[in-house]
């Protein structure tokens, strides 16, 4: 069971929803190349509201992801795509199915 996770809420700037969705699809493809990333989800919570949720077996995998290409791309596009200040929540998974 993966024990570590990240959650980032993303609020698209008006008119940028399509670009955010394309970015999330690209992120999923990039995550496939990360050995330490167990799962990676780009989700739509509501109109204009998105999030990223990903899981890791250990802290090393999570830190590698935070220092990797997806995180760099997210921060590089943050001002252009998102109306909120990005907060990366480091969370622990205590149960799963």
C-alpha atoms as a PDB file:
ATOM      1  CA  UNK A   1       0.000   0.000   0.000  1.00  0.00           C
ATOM      2  CA  UNK A   2       1.253   3.451  -0.876  1.00  0.00           C
ATOM      3  CA  UNK A   3       1.633   5.436   2.337  1.00  0.00           C
ATOM      4  CA  UNK A   4       2.533   8.902   1.103  1.00  0.00           C
ATOM      5  CA  UNK A   5       0.598  11.299  -1.117  1.00  0.00           C
ATOM      6  CA  UNK A   6       0.372  14.812  -2.455  1.00  0.00           C
ATOM      7  CA  UNK A   7      -2.713  16.907  -3.087  1.00  0.00           C
ATOM      8  CA  UNK A   8      -2.771  20.224  -4.943  1.00  0.00           C
ATOM      9  CA  UNK A   9      -5.954  22.172  -5.617  1.00  0.00           C
ATOM     10  CA  UNK A  10      -5.965  24.077  -8.921  1.00  0.00           C
ATOM     11  CA  UNK A  11      -8.420  26.844  -9.798  1.00  0.00           C
ATOM     12  CA  UNK A  12      -8.303  27.648 -13.499  1.00  0.00           C
ATOM     13  CA  UNK A  13      -8.300  31.266 -14.562  1.00  0.00           C
ATOM     14  CA  UNK A  14     -11.444  32.073 -16.571  1.00  0.00           C
ATOM     15  CA  UNK A  15     -11.074  30.775 -20.104  1.00  0.00           C
ATOM     16  CA  UNK A  16      -8.064  28.575 -19.219  1.00  0.00           C
ATOM     17  CA  UNK A  17      -9.989  25.396 -18.401  1.00  0.00           C
ATOM     18  CA  UNK A  18      -9.033  23.675 -21.658  1.00  0.00           C
ATOM     19  CA  UNK A  19      -5.356  24.457 -21.126  1.00  0.00           C
ATOM     20  CA  UNK A  20      -5.532  23.150 -17.548  1.00  0.00           C
ATOM     21  CA  UNK A  21      -7.113  19.906 -18.714  1.00  0.00           C
ATOM     22  CA  UNK A  22      -4.468  19.505 -21.425  1.00  0.00           C
ATOM     23  CA  UNK A  23      -1.760  20.184 -18.841  1.00  0.00           C
ATOM     24  CA  UNK A  24      -3.199  17.494 -16.542  1.00  0.00           C
ATOM     25  CA  UNK A  25      -3.273  14.962 -19.372  1.00  0.00           C
ATOM     26  CA  UNK A  26       0.356  15.771 -20.153  1.00  0.00           C
ATOM     27  CA  UNK A  27       1.199  15.384 -16.461  1.00  0.00           C
ATOM     28  CA  UNK A  28      -0.296  11.901 -16.417  1.00  0.00           C
ATOM     29  CA  UNK A  29       1.934  10.888 -19.323  1.00  0.00           C
ATOM     30  CA  UNK A  30       4.999  12.340 -17.611  1.00  0.00           C
ATOM     31  CA  UNK A  31       4.148  10.527 -14.354  1.00  0.00           C
ATOM     32  CA  UNK A  32       4.312   7.172 -16.161  1.00  0.00           C
ATOM     33  CA  UNK A  33       8.081   7.686 -16.423  1.00  0.00           C
ATOM     34  CA  UNK A  34       8.551   8.251 -12.676  1.00  0.00           C
ATOM     35  CA  UNK A  35       9.560   5.028 -10.969  1.00  0.00           C
ATOM     36  CA  UNK A  36       8.670   6.320  -7.496  1.00  0.00           C
ATOM     37  CA  UNK A  37       5.164   7.531  -8.383  1.00  0.00           C
ATOM     38  CA  UNK A  38       2.625   4.764  -7.698  1.00  0.00           C
ATOM     39  CA  UNK A  39      -0.483   6.611  -8.904  1.00  0.00           C
ATOM     40  CA  UNK A  40      -1.069  10.063 -10.381  1.00  0.00           C
ATOM     41  CA  UNK A  41      -4.519  11.584 -10.849  1.00  0.00           C
ATOM     42  CA  UNK A  42      -5.536  14.822 -12.489  1.00  0.00           C
ATOM     43  CA  UNK A  43      -9.134  15.424 -11.413  1.00  0.00           C
ATOM     44  CA  UNK A  44     -11.940  17.884 -12.101  1.00  0.00           C
ATOM     45  CA  UNK A  45     -13.786  18.770  -8.915  1.00  0.00           C
ATOM     46  CA  UNK A  46     -16.200  21.351 -10.303  1.00  0.00           C
ATOM     47  CA  UNK A  47     -16.406  23.859 -13.133  1.00  0.00           C
ATOM     48  CA  UNK A  48     -12.983  25.498 -13.214  1.00  0.00           C
ATOM     49  CA  UNK A  49     -11.808  23.586 -10.139  1.00  0.00           C
ATOM     50  CA  UNK A  50      -9.202  20.862 -10.571  1.00  0.00           C
ATOM     51  CA  UNK A  51      -6.686  19.011  -8.441  1.00  0.00           C
ATOM     52  CA  UNK A  52      -3.751  16.660  -8.588  1.00  0.00           C
ATOM     53  CA  UNK A  53      -3.543  13.668  -6.258  1.00  0.00           C
ATOM     54  CA  UNK A  54      -0.629  11.271  -6.409  1.00  0.00           C
ATOM     55  CA  UNK A  55       0.730   8.476  -4.232  1.00  0.00           C
ATOM     56  CA  UNK A  56       4.127   7.071  -3.332  1.00  0.00           C
ATOM     57  CA  UNK A  57       5.485   4.074  -1.438  1.00  0.00           C
ATOM     58  CA  UNK A  58       8.079   6.125   0.405  1.00  0.00           C
ATOM     59  CA  UNK A  59       9.269   9.636   1.136  1.00  0.00           C
ATOM     60  CA  UNK A  60      12.116   9.278  -1.371  1.00  0.00           C
ATOM     61  CA  UNK A  61       9.626   8.754  -4.214  1.00  0.00           C
ATOM     62  CA  UNK A  62       7.557  11.712  -3.094  1.00  0.00           C
ATOM     63  CA  UNK A  63      10.602  13.982  -2.855  1.00  0.00           C
ATOM     64  CA  UNK A  64      11.850  12.846  -6.269  1.00  0.00           C
ATOM     65  CA  UNK A  65       8.461  13.780  -7.719  1.00  0.00           C
ATOM     66  CA  UNK A  66       8.471  17.180  -6.002  1.00  0.00           C
ATOM     67  CA  UNK A  67      11.875  17.879  -7.551  1.00  0.00           C
ATOM     68  CA  UNK A  68      10.972  16.425 -10.948  1.00  0.00           C
ATOM     69  CA  UNK A  69       9.739  17.665 -14.298  1.00  0.00           C
ATOM     70  CA  UNK A  70       6.007  17.709 -13.487  1.00  0.00           C
ATOM     71  CA  UNK A  71       6.466  19.943 -10.445  1.00  0.00           C
ATOM     72  CA  UNK A  72       8.756  22.246 -12.422  1.00  0.00           C
ATOM     73  CA  UNK A  73       6.203  22.502 -15.246  1.00  0.00           C
ATOM     74  CA  UNK A  74       3.391  23.143 -12.760  1.00  0.00           C
ATOM     75  CA  UNK A  75       5.246  26.008 -11.124  1.00  0.00           C
ATOM     76  CA  UNK A  76       6.318  27.449 -14.485  1.00  0.00           C
ATOM     77  CA  UNK A  77       2.687  27.633 -15.670  1.00  0.00           C
ATOM     78  CA  UNK A  78       1.063  28.535 -12.365  1.00  0.00           C
ATOM     79  CA  UNK A  79       0.716  32.288 -12.968  1.00  0.00           C
ATOM     80  CA  UNK A  80      -0.665  31.835 -16.478  1.00  0.00           C
ATOM     81  CA  UNK A  81      -3.183  29.069 -15.725  1.00  0.00           C
ATOM     82  CA  UNK A  82      -4.319  29.300 -12.108  1.00  0.00           C
ATOM     83  CA  UNK A  83      -6.101  31.949 -10.065  1.00  0.00           C
ATOM     84  CA  UNK A  84      -5.135  30.450  -6.718  1.00  0.00           C
ATOM     85  CA  UNK A  85      -1.795  30.305  -4.972  1.00  0.00           C
ATOM     86  CA  UNK A  86      -0.704  26.687  -5.238  1.00  0.00           C
ATOM     87  CA  UNK A  87      -0.321  24.828  -1.976  1.00  0.00           C
ATOM     88  CA  UNK A  88       1.170  21.357  -2.129  1.00  0.00           C
ATOM     89  CA  UNK A  89      -0.237  19.263   0.710  1.00  0.00           C
ATOM     90  CA  UNK A  90       1.935  16.381   1.866  1.00  0.00           C
ATOM     91  CA  UNK A  91      -0.435  13.788   3.255  1.00  0.00           C
ATOM     92  CA  UNK A  92      -0.190  10.269   4.627  1.00  0.00           C
ATOM     93  CA  UNK A  93      -2.514   7.466   3.617  1.00  0.00           C
ATOM     94  CA  UNK A  94      -3.717   5.538   6.656  1.00  0.00           C
ATOM     95  CA  UNK A  95      -6.142   3.150   4.932  1.00  0.00           C
ATOM     96  CA  UNK A  96      -7.079   2.039   1.442  1.00  0.00           C
ATOM     97  CA  UNK A  97      -8.965  -0.637  -0.418  1.00  0.00           C
END
